[in-house]
Every structure is written in structure tokens, then in C-alpha cells.
Amino acid sequence: MSDLYNGLVQGGLAAQYARKAYALREKVSERSVRHRGIYYLFGTGELEKAATTYELYQQTYPRDYQPYRNLDSFSAAGDWEKH
């Protein structure tokens, strides 16, 4: 939901759902690690933690497009060399 609301430019709702997903993180599979990245990206604004989480997700699931797409956010923010 957080990702959806972010796409709709509803930052407040994106942050709210990111925090809710993070609070429920122990109840999901390891593949749901991407939700931790969304939490850091939208819920807290901790960009370095989000980037680290997406890099781990990218290494673990190299065929999944999500971490590549979300790491593009960091390129847009000016960190071209790293991502």
C-alpha cells in the first residue's frame, strides 16, 4: 500500500503504511525484506538504510525488478556513482 500511495503522490499515506508494514515485519517471509526498504525510504526518510536494504534484496533476488526500480530513486537524488 505504501508503494501504491507513493505512486499516487500521497506521501502521508505512503509513510503511514510503510510504518505499519514495518511493525508487522516479523510475521512475513524473508522475501518481504523489500518492505523494510520501503519503511526506511518512505516511513523514516533514512535513505542510507533504504539503499542498504535494497542492495541486499537485489543480491538475494537478482531477477526481481523491485530493488532496481527503488534504487533508481537514489540515482534521481544524485547518488549516480553508487547506484
PDB file of N, CA and C in Angstrom:
ATOM      1  N   MET A   1       0.821  -1.180   0.000  1.00  0.00           N
ATOM      2  CA  MET A   1       0.000   0.000   0.000  1.00  0.00           C
ATOM      3  C   MET A   1       0.874   1.256   0.000  1.00  0.00           C
ATOM      4  N   SER A   2       1.979   1.180   0.738  1.00  0.00           N
ATOM      5  CA  SER A   2       2.865   2.338   0.798  1.00  0.00           C
ATOM      6  C   SER A   2       3.395   2.698  -0.578  1.00  0.00           C
ATOM      7  N   ASP A   3       3.831   1.692  -1.308  1.00  0.00           N
ATOM      8  CA  ASP A   3       4.353   1.921  -2.654  1.00  0.00           C
ATOM      9  C   ASP A   3       3.271   2.491  -3.568  1.00  0.00           C
ATOM     10  N   LEU A   4       2.073   1.984  -3.435  1.00  0.00           N
ATOM     11  CA  LEU A   4       0.943   2.469  -4.233  1.00  0.00           C
ATOM     12  C   LEU A   4       0.655   3.940  -3.925  1.00  0.00           C
ATOM     13  N   TYR A   5       0.568   4.283  -2.641  1.00  0.00           N
ATOM     14  CA  TYR A   5       0.288   5.667  -2.283  1.00  0.00           C
ATOM     15  C   TYR A   5       1.434   6.597  -2.672  1.00  0.00           C
ATOM     16  N   ASN A   6       2.657   6.091  -2.623  1.00  0.00           N
ATOM     17  CA  ASN A   6       3.766   6.914  -3.080  1.00  0.00           C
ATOM     18  C   ASN A   6       3.612   7.233  -4.569  1.00  0.00           C
ATOM     19  N   GLY A   7       3.220   6.239  -5.348  1.00  0.00           N
ATOM     20  CA  GLY A   7       2.986   6.455  -6.770  1.00  0.00           C
ATOM     21  C   GLY A   7       1.867   7.439  -7.045  1.00  0.00           C
ATOM     22  N   LEU A   8       0.930   7.539  -6.123  1.00  0.00           N
ATOM     23  CA  LEU A   8      -0.183   8.480  -6.254  1.00  0.00           C
ATOM     24  C   LEU A   8       0.144   9.836  -5.613  1.00  0.00           C
ATOM     25  N   VAL A   9       1.386  10.013  -5.230  1.00  0.00           N
ATOM     26  CA  VAL A   9       1.878  11.247  -4.607  1.00  0.00           C
ATOM     27  C   VAL A   9       1.080  11.579  -3.341  1.00  0.00           C
ATOM     28  N   GLN A  10       0.883  10.554  -2.536  1.00  0.00           N
ATOM     29  CA  GLN A  10       0.208  10.692  -1.242  1.00  0.00           C
ATOM     30  C   GLN A  10       1.222  10.340  -0.152  1.00  0.00           C
ATOM     31  N   GLY A  11       2.195  11.222   0.061  1.00  0.00           N
ATOM     32  CA  GLY A  11       3.308  10.954   0.964  1.00  0.00           C
ATOM     33  C   GLY A  11       2.905  10.578   2.370  1.00  0.00           C
ATOM     34  N   GLY A  12       1.909  11.228   2.912  1.00  0.00           N
ATOM     35  CA  GLY A  12       1.471  10.928   4.269  1.00  0.00           C
ATOM     36  C   GLY A  12       0.950   9.508   4.407  1.00  0.00           C
ATOM     37  N   LEU A  13       0.125   9.093   3.459  1.00  0.00           N
ATOM     38  CA  LEU A  13      -0.406   7.724   3.491  1.00  0.00           C
ATOM     39  C   LEU A  13       0.696   6.713   3.186  1.00  0.00           C
ATOM     40  N   ALA A  14       1.623   7.058   2.297  1.00  0.00           N
ATOM     41  CA  ALA A  14       2.750   6.161   1.996  1.00  0.00           C
ATOM     42  C   ALA A  14       3.555   5.912   3.268  1.00  0.00           C
ATOM     43  N   ALA A  15       3.850   6.957   4.015  1.00  0.00           N
ATOM     44  CA  ALA A  15       4.606   6.822   5.260  1.00  0.00           C
ATOM     45  C   ALA A  15       3.828   6.015   6.293  1.00  0.00           C
ATOM     46  N   GLN A  16       2.538   6.271   6.402  1.00  0.00           N
ATOM     47  CA  GLN A  16       1.703   5.555   7.367  1.00  0.00           C
ATOM     48  C   GLN A  16       1.728   4.051   7.100  1.00  0.00           C
ATOM     49  N   TYR A  17       1.531   3.644   5.852  1.00  0.00           N
ATOM     50  CA  TYR A  17       1.514   2.227   5.523  1.00  0.00           C
ATOM     51  C   TYR A  17       2.896   1.601   5.592  1.00  0.00           C
ATOM     52  N   ALA A  18       3.935   2.370   5.327  1.00  0.00           N
ATOM     53  CA  ALA A  18       5.303   1.855   5.465  1.00  0.00           C
ATOM     54  C   ALA A  18       5.586   1.527   6.927  1.00  0.00           C
ATOM     55  N   ARG A  19       5.188   2.411   7.821  1.00  0.00           N
ATOM     56  CA  ARG A  19       5.398   2.155   9.244  1.00  0.00           C
ATOM     57  C   ARG A  19       4.575   0.955   9.720  1.00  0.00           C
ATOM     58  N   LYS A  20       3.371   0.825   9.220  1.00  0.00           N
ATOM     59  CA  LYS A  20       2.527  -0.313   9.611  1.00  0.00           C
ATOM     60  C   LYS A  20       3.139  -1.628   9.128  1.00  0.00           C
ATOM     61  N   ALA A  21       3.607  -1.651   7.891  1.00  0.00           N
ATOM     62  CA  ALA A  21       4.233  -2.861   7.351  1.00  0.00           C
ATOM     63  C   ALA A  21       5.482  -3.217   8.141  1.00  0.00           C
ATOM     64  N   TYR A  22       6.260  -2.214   8.518  1.00  0.00           N
ATOM     65  CA  TYR A  22       7.474  -2.466   9.285  1.00  0.00           C
ATOM     66  C   TYR A  22       7.134  -3.048  10.647  1.00  0.00           C
ATOM     67  N   ALA A  23       6.083  -2.571  11.260  1.00  0.00           N
ATOM     68  CA  ALA A  23       5.672  -3.081  12.567  1.00  0.00           C
ATOM     69  C   ALA A  23       5.261  -4.548  12.495  1.00  0.00           C
ATOM     70  N   LEU A  24       4.781  -4.982  11.338  1.00  0.00           N
ATOM     71  CA  LEU A  24       4.328  -6.367  11.160  1.00  0.00           C
ATOM     72  C   LEU A  24       5.393  -7.254  10.505  1.00  0.00           C
ATOM     73  N   ARG A  25       6.620  -6.776  10.399  1.00  0.00           N
ATOM     74  CA  ARG A  25       7.676  -7.446   9.630  1.00  0.00           C
ATOM     75  C   ARG A  25       8.009  -8.841  10.116  1.00  0.00           C
ATOM     76  N   GLU A  26       7.809  -9.140  11.385  1.00  0.00           N
ATOM     77  CA  GLU A  26       8.144 -10.460  11.919  1.00  0.00           C
ATOM     78  C   GLU A  26       7.168 -11.540  11.460  1.00  0.00           C
ATOM     79  N   LYS A  27       6.052 -11.139  10.912  1.00  0.00           N
ATOM     80  CA  LYS A  27       5.016 -12.085  10.518  1.00  0.00           C
ATOM     81  C   LYS A  27       5.048 -12.444   9.037  1.00  0.00           C
ATOM     82  N   VAL A  28       6.081 -12.003   8.319  1.00  0.00           N
ATOM     83  CA  VAL A  28       6.149 -12.243   6.882  1.00  0.00           C
ATOM     84  C   VAL A  28       7.418 -13.012   6.522  1.00  0.00           C
ATOM     85  N   SER A  29       7.468 -13.471   5.282  1.00  0.00           N
ATOM     86  CA  SER A  29       8.613 -14.235   4.815  1.00  0.00           C
ATOM     87  C   SER A  29       9.834 -13.343   4.628  1.00  0.00           C
ATOM     88  N   GLU A  30      10.994 -13.961   4.483  1.00  0.00           N
ATOM     89  CA  GLU A  30      12.226 -13.214   4.251  1.00  0.00           C
ATOM     90  C   GLU A  30      12.165 -12.433   2.948  1.00  0.00           C
ATOM     91  N   ARG A  31      11.426 -12.925   1.987  1.00  0.00           N
ATOM     92  CA  ARG A  31      11.316 -12.215   0.715  1.00  0.00           C
ATOM     93  C   ARG A  31      10.679 -10.837   0.887  1.00  0.00           C
ATOM     94  N   SER A  32       9.964 -10.675   1.934  1.00  0.00           N
ATOM     95  CA  SER A  32       9.329  -9.387   2.178  1.00  0.00           C
ATOM     96  C   SER A  32      10.307  -8.356   2.720  1.00  0.00           C
ATOM     97  N   VAL A  33      11.582  -8.616   2.594  1.00  0.00           N
ATOM     98  CA  VAL A  33      12.610  -7.673   3.024  1.00  0.00           C
ATOM     99  C   VAL A  33      12.436  -6.337   2.311  1.00  0.00           C
ATOM    100  N   ARG A  34      11.830  -6.335   1.143  1.00  0.00           N
ATOM    101  CA  ARG A  34      11.620  -5.083   0.419  1.00  0.00           C
ATOM    102  C   ARG A  34      10.769  -4.109   1.208  1.00  0.00           C
ATOM    103  N   HIS A  35       9.910  -4.628   2.060  1.00  0.00           N
ATOM    104  CA  HIS A  35       9.080  -3.736   2.866  1.00  0.00           C
ATOM    105  C   HIS A  35       9.918  -2.951   3.869  1.00  0.00           C
ATOM    106  N   ARG A  36      11.032  -3.539   4.271  1.00  0.00           N
ATOM    107  CA  ARG A  36      11.926  -2.796   5.154  1.00  0.00           C
ATOM    108  C   ARG A  36      12.521  -1.609   4.414  1.00  0.00           C
ATOM    109  N   GLY A  37      12.844  -1.803   3.153  1.00  0.00           N
ATOM    110  CA  GLY A  37      13.359  -0.698   2.353  1.00  0.00           C
ATOM    111  C   GLY A  37      12.332   0.399   2.174  1.00  0.00           C
ATOM    112  N   ILE A  38      11.109  -0.002   1.947  1.00  0.00           N
ATOM    113  CA  ILE A  38      10.026   0.972   1.801  1.00  0.00           C
ATOM    114  C   ILE A  38       9.841   1.738   3.106  1.00  0.00           C
ATOM    115  N   TYR A  39       9.953   1.035   4.228  1.00  0.00           N
ATOM    116  CA  TYR A  39       9.837   1.695   5.529  1.00  0.00           C
ATOM    117  C   TYR A  39      10.895   2.783   5.673  1.00  0.00           C
ATOM    118  N   TYR A  40      12.137   2.437   5.369  1.00  0.00           N
ATOM    119  CA  TYR A  40      13.208   3.426   5.506  1.00  0.00           C
ATOM    120  C   TYR A  40      13.063   4.554   4.482  1.00  0.00           C
ATOM    121  N   LEU A  41      12.638   4.218   3.284  1.00  0.00           N
ATOM    122  CA  LEU A  41      12.521   5.223   2.234  1.00  0.00           C
ATOM    123  C   LEU A  41      11.368   6.191   2.497  1.00  0.00           C
ATOM    124  N   PHE A  42      10.189   5.647   2.758  1.00  0.00           N
ATOM    125  CA  PHE A  42       9.001   6.490   2.916  1.00  0.00           C
ATOM    126  C   PHE A  42       8.630   6.757   4.374  1.00  0.00           C
ATOM    127  N   GLY A  43       8.845   5.769   5.240  1.00  0.00           N
ATOM    128  CA  GLY A  43       8.395   5.890   6.624  1.00  0.00           C
ATOM    129  C   GLY A  43       9.275   6.761   7.494  1.00  0.00           C
ATOM    130  N   THR A  44      10.608   6.647   7.318  1.00  0.00           N
ATOM    131  CA  THR A  44      11.517   7.398   8.187  1.00  0.00           C
ATOM    132  C   THR A  44      12.418   8.365   7.420  1.00  0.00           C
ATOM    133  N   GLY A  45      12.547   8.159   6.129  1.00  0.00           N
ATOM    134  CA  GLY A  45      13.426   9.013   5.338  1.00  0.00           C
ATOM    135  C   GLY A  45      14.898   8.681   5.499  1.00  0.00           C
ATOM    136  N   GLU A  46      15.216   7.523   6.080  1.00  0.00           N
ATOM    137  CA  GLU A  46      16.604   7.108   6.264  1.00  0.00           C
ATOM    138  C   GLU A  46      17.104   6.479   4.957  1.00  0.00           C
ATOM    139  N   LEU A  47      17.603   7.331   4.077  1.00  0.00           N
ATOM    140  CA  LEU A  47      17.943   6.898   2.724  1.00  0.00           C
ATOM    141  C   LEU A  47      19.084   5.887   2.686  1.00  0.00           C
ATOM    142  N   GLU A  48      20.069   6.049   3.543  1.00  0.00           N
ATOM    143  CA  GLU A  48      21.197   5.102   3.533  1.00  0.00           C
ATOM    144  C   GLU A  48      20.741   3.707   3.956  1.00  0.00           C
ATOM    145  N   LYS A  49      19.878   3.617   4.960  1.00  0.00           N
ATOM    146  CA  LYS A  49      19.340   2.319   5.382  1.00  0.00           C
ATOM    147  C   LYS A  49      18.474   1.720   4.278  1.00  0.00           C
ATOM    148  N   ALA A  50      17.705   2.552   3.604  1.00  0.00           N
ATOM    149  CA  ALA A  50      16.879   2.066   2.495  1.00  0.00           C
ATOM    150  C   ALA A  50      17.772   1.514   1.393  1.00  0.00           C
ATOM    151  N   ALA A  51      18.817   2.235   1.039  1.00  0.00           N
ATOM    152  CA  ALA A  51      19.726   1.790  -0.020  1.00  0.00           C
ATOM    153  C   ALA A  51      20.379   0.464   0.352  1.00  0.00           C
ATOM    154  N   THR A  52      20.824   0.340   1.585  1.00  0.00           N
ATOM    155  CA  THR A  52      21.457  -0.906   2.041  1.00  0.00           C
ATOM    156  C   THR A  52      20.478  -2.065   1.970  1.00  0.00           C
ATOM    157  N   THR A  53      19.240  -1.819   2.371  1.00  0.00           N
ATOM    158  CA  THR A  53      18.211  -2.858   2.333  1.00  0.00           C
ATOM    159  C   THR A  53      17.925  -3.288   0.900  1.00  0.00           C
ATOM    160  N   TYR A  54      17.811  -2.318  -0.011  1.00  0.00           N
ATOM    161  CA  TYR A  54      17.547  -2.657  -1.410  1.00  0.00           C
ATOM    162  C   TYR A  54      18.730  -3.366  -2.058  1.00  0.00           C
ATOM    163  N   GLU A  55      19.943  -3.019  -1.661  1.00  0.00           N
ATOM    164  CA  GLU A  55      21.114  -3.716  -2.193  1.00  0.00           C
ATOM    165  C   GLU A  55      21.114  -5.175  -1.762  1.00  0.00           C
ATOM    166  N   LEU A  56      20.770  -5.436  -0.495  1.00  0.00           N
ATOM    167  CA  LEU A  56      20.661  -6.813  -0.008  1.00  0.00           C
ATOM    168  C   LEU A  56      19.566  -7.557  -0.760  1.00  0.00           C
ATOM    169  N   TYR A  57      18.442  -6.922  -0.941  1.00  0.00           N
ATOM    170  CA  TYR A  57      17.320  -7.518  -1.677  1.00  0.00           C
ATOM    171  C   TYR A  57      17.748  -7.833  -3.108  1.00  0.00           C
ATOM    172  N   GLN A  58      18.474  -6.921  -3.724  1.00  0.00           N
ATOM    173  CA  GLN A  58      18.946  -7.099  -5.102  1.00  0.00           C
ATOM    174  C   GLN A  58      19.899  -8.294  -5.201  1.00  0.00           C
ATOM    175  N   GLN A  59      20.783  -8.444  -4.225  1.00  0.00           N
ATOM    176  CA  GLN A  59      21.720  -9.569  -4.221  1.00  0.00           C
ATOM    177  C   GLN A  59      21.006 -10.895  -3.984  1.00  0.00           C
ATOM    178  N   THR A  60      20.008 -10.876  -3.128  1.00  0.00           N
ATOM    179  CA  THR A  60      19.286 -12.097  -2.787  1.00  0.00           C
ATOM    180  C   THR A  60      18.337 -12.543  -3.896  1.00  0.00           C
ATOM    181  N   TYR A  61      17.684 -11.590  -4.538  1.00  0.00           N
ATOM    182  CA  TYR A  61      16.716 -11.872  -5.606  1.00  0.00           C
ATOM    183  C   TYR A  61      17.069 -11.049  -6.846  1.00  0.00           C
ATOM    184  N   PRO A  62      18.136 -11.425  -7.574  1.00  0.00           N
ATOM    185  CA  PRO A  62      18.612 -10.605  -8.694  1.00  0.00           C
ATOM    186  C   PRO A  62      17.630 -10.491  -9.861  1.00  0.00           C
ATOM    187  N   ARG A  63      16.653 -11.368  -9.956  1.00  0.00           N
ATOM    188  CA  ARG A  63      15.698 -11.308 -11.063  1.00  0.00           C
ATOM    189  C   ARG A  63      14.471 -10.458 -10.764  1.00  0.00           C
ATOM    190  N   ASP A  64      14.319 -10.045  -9.528  1.00  0.00           N
ATOM    191  CA  ASP A  64      13.180  -9.228  -9.139  1.00  0.00           C
ATOM    192  C   ASP A  64      13.466  -7.768  -9.509  1.00  0.00           C
ATOM    193  N   TYR A  65      12.527  -7.115 -10.133  1.00  0.00           N
ATOM    194  CA  TYR A  65      12.734  -5.738 -10.589  1.00  0.00           C
ATOM    195  C   TYR A  65      12.627  -4.705  -9.469  1.00  0.00           C
ATOM    196  N   GLN A  66      11.970  -5.031  -8.377  1.00  0.00           N
ATOM    197  CA  GLN A  66      11.692  -4.058  -7.321  1.00  0.00           C
ATOM    198  C   GLN A  66      12.940  -3.341  -6.797  1.00  0.00           C
ATOM    199  N   PRO A  67      13.992  -4.059  -6.410  1.00  0.00           N
ATOM    200  CA  PRO A  67      15.134  -3.309  -5.860  1.00  0.00           C
ATOM    201  C   PRO A  67      15.802  -2.416  -6.895  1.00  0.00           C
ATOM    202  N   TYR A  68      15.809  -2.826  -8.148  1.00  0.00           N
ATOM    203  CA  TYR A  68      16.392  -1.985  -9.196  1.00  0.00           C
ATOM    204  C   TYR A  68      15.579  -0.707  -9.360  1.00  0.00           C
ATOM    205  N   ARG A  69      14.277  -0.862  -9.370  1.00  0.00           N
ATOM    206  CA  ARG A  69      13.397   0.294  -9.509  1.00  0.00           C
ATOM    207  C   ARG A  69      13.545   1.248  -8.331  1.00  0.00           C
ATOM    208  N   ASN A  70      13.576   0.682  -7.130  1.00  0.00           N
ATOM    209  CA  ASN A  70      13.657   1.531  -5.956  1.00  0.00           C
ATOM    210  C   ASN A  70      15.037   2.159  -5.794  1.00  0.00           C
ATOM    211  N   LEU A  71      16.078   1.464  -6.228  1.00  0.00           N
ATOM    212  CA  LEU A  71      17.405   2.066  -6.182  1.00  0.00           C
ATOM    213  C   LEU A  71      17.525   3.211  -7.178  1.00  0.00           C
ATOM    214  N   ASP A  72      16.689   3.217  -8.197  1.00  0.00           N
ATOM    215  CA  ASP A  72      16.656   4.348  -9.128  1.00  0.00           C
ATOM    216  C   ASP A  72      16.300   5.644  -8.407  1.00  0.00           C
ATOM    217  N   SER A  73      15.561   5.519  -7.321  1.00  0.00           N
ATOM    218  CA  SER A  73      15.212   6.706  -6.532  1.00  0.00           C
ATOM    219  C   SER A  73      16.467   7.406  -6.031  1.00  0.00           C
ATOM    220  N   PHE A  74      17.474   6.622  -5.716  1.00  0.00           N
ATOM    221  CA  PHE A  74      18.712   7.199  -5.216  1.00  0.00           C
ATOM    222  C   PHE A  74      19.511   7.845  -6.341  1.00  0.00           C
ATOM    223  N   SER A  75      19.428   7.275  -7.530  1.00  0.00           N
ATOM    224  CA  SER A  75      20.066   7.902  -8.697  1.00  0.00           C
ATOM    225  C   SER A  75      19.419   9.244  -8.975  1.00  0.00           C
ATOM    226  N   ALA A  76      18.114   9.292  -8.834  1.00  0.00           N
ATOM    227  CA  ALA A  76      17.400  10.542  -9.060  1.00  0.00           C
ATOM    228  C   ALA A  76      17.770  11.587  -8.007  1.00  0.00           C
ATOM    229  N   ALA A  77      18.167  11.099  -6.839  1.00  0.00           N
ATOM    230  CA  ALA A  77      18.563  12.016  -5.764  1.00  0.00           C
ATOM    231  C   ALA A  77      20.008  12.476  -5.900  1.00  0.00           C
ATOM    232  N   GLY A  78      20.716  11.960  -6.910  1.00  0.00           N
ATOM    233  CA  GLY A  78      22.064  12.445  -7.163  1.00  0.00           C
ATOM    234  C   GLY A  78      23.179  11.485  -6.821  1.00  0.00           C
ATOM    235  N   ASP A  79      22.876  10.311  -6.309  1.00  0.00           N
ATOM    236  CA  ASP A  79      23.916   9.338  -5.967  1.00  0.00           C
ATOM    237  C   ASP A  79      24.150   8.416  -7.152  1.00  0.00           C
ATOM    238  N   TRP A  80      24.572   8.968  -8.272  1.00  0.00           N
ATOM    239  CA  TRP A  80      24.714   8.225  -9.530  1.00  0.00           C
ATOM    240  C   TRP A  80      25.790   7.159  -9.463  1.00  0.00           C
ATOM    241  N   GLU A  81      26.890   7.436  -8.828  1.00  0.00           N
ATOM    242  CA  GLU A  81      28.012   6.519  -8.821  1.00  0.00           C
ATOM    243  C   GLU A  81      27.701   5.212  -8.099  1.00  0.00           C
ATOM    244  N   LYS A  82      27.022   5.318  -6.987  1.00  0.00           N
ATOM    245  CA  LYS A  82      26.776   4.133  -6.167  1.00  0.00           C
ATOM    246  C   LYS A  82      25.708   3.238  -6.765  1.00  0.00           C
ATOM    247  N   HIS A  83      24.685   3.845  -7.391  1.00  0.00           N
ATOM    248  CA  HIS A  83      23.561   3.036  -7.852  1.00  0.00           C
ATOM    249  C   HIS A  83      23.400   3.244  -9.329  1.00  0.00           C
TER     250      HIS A  83
END
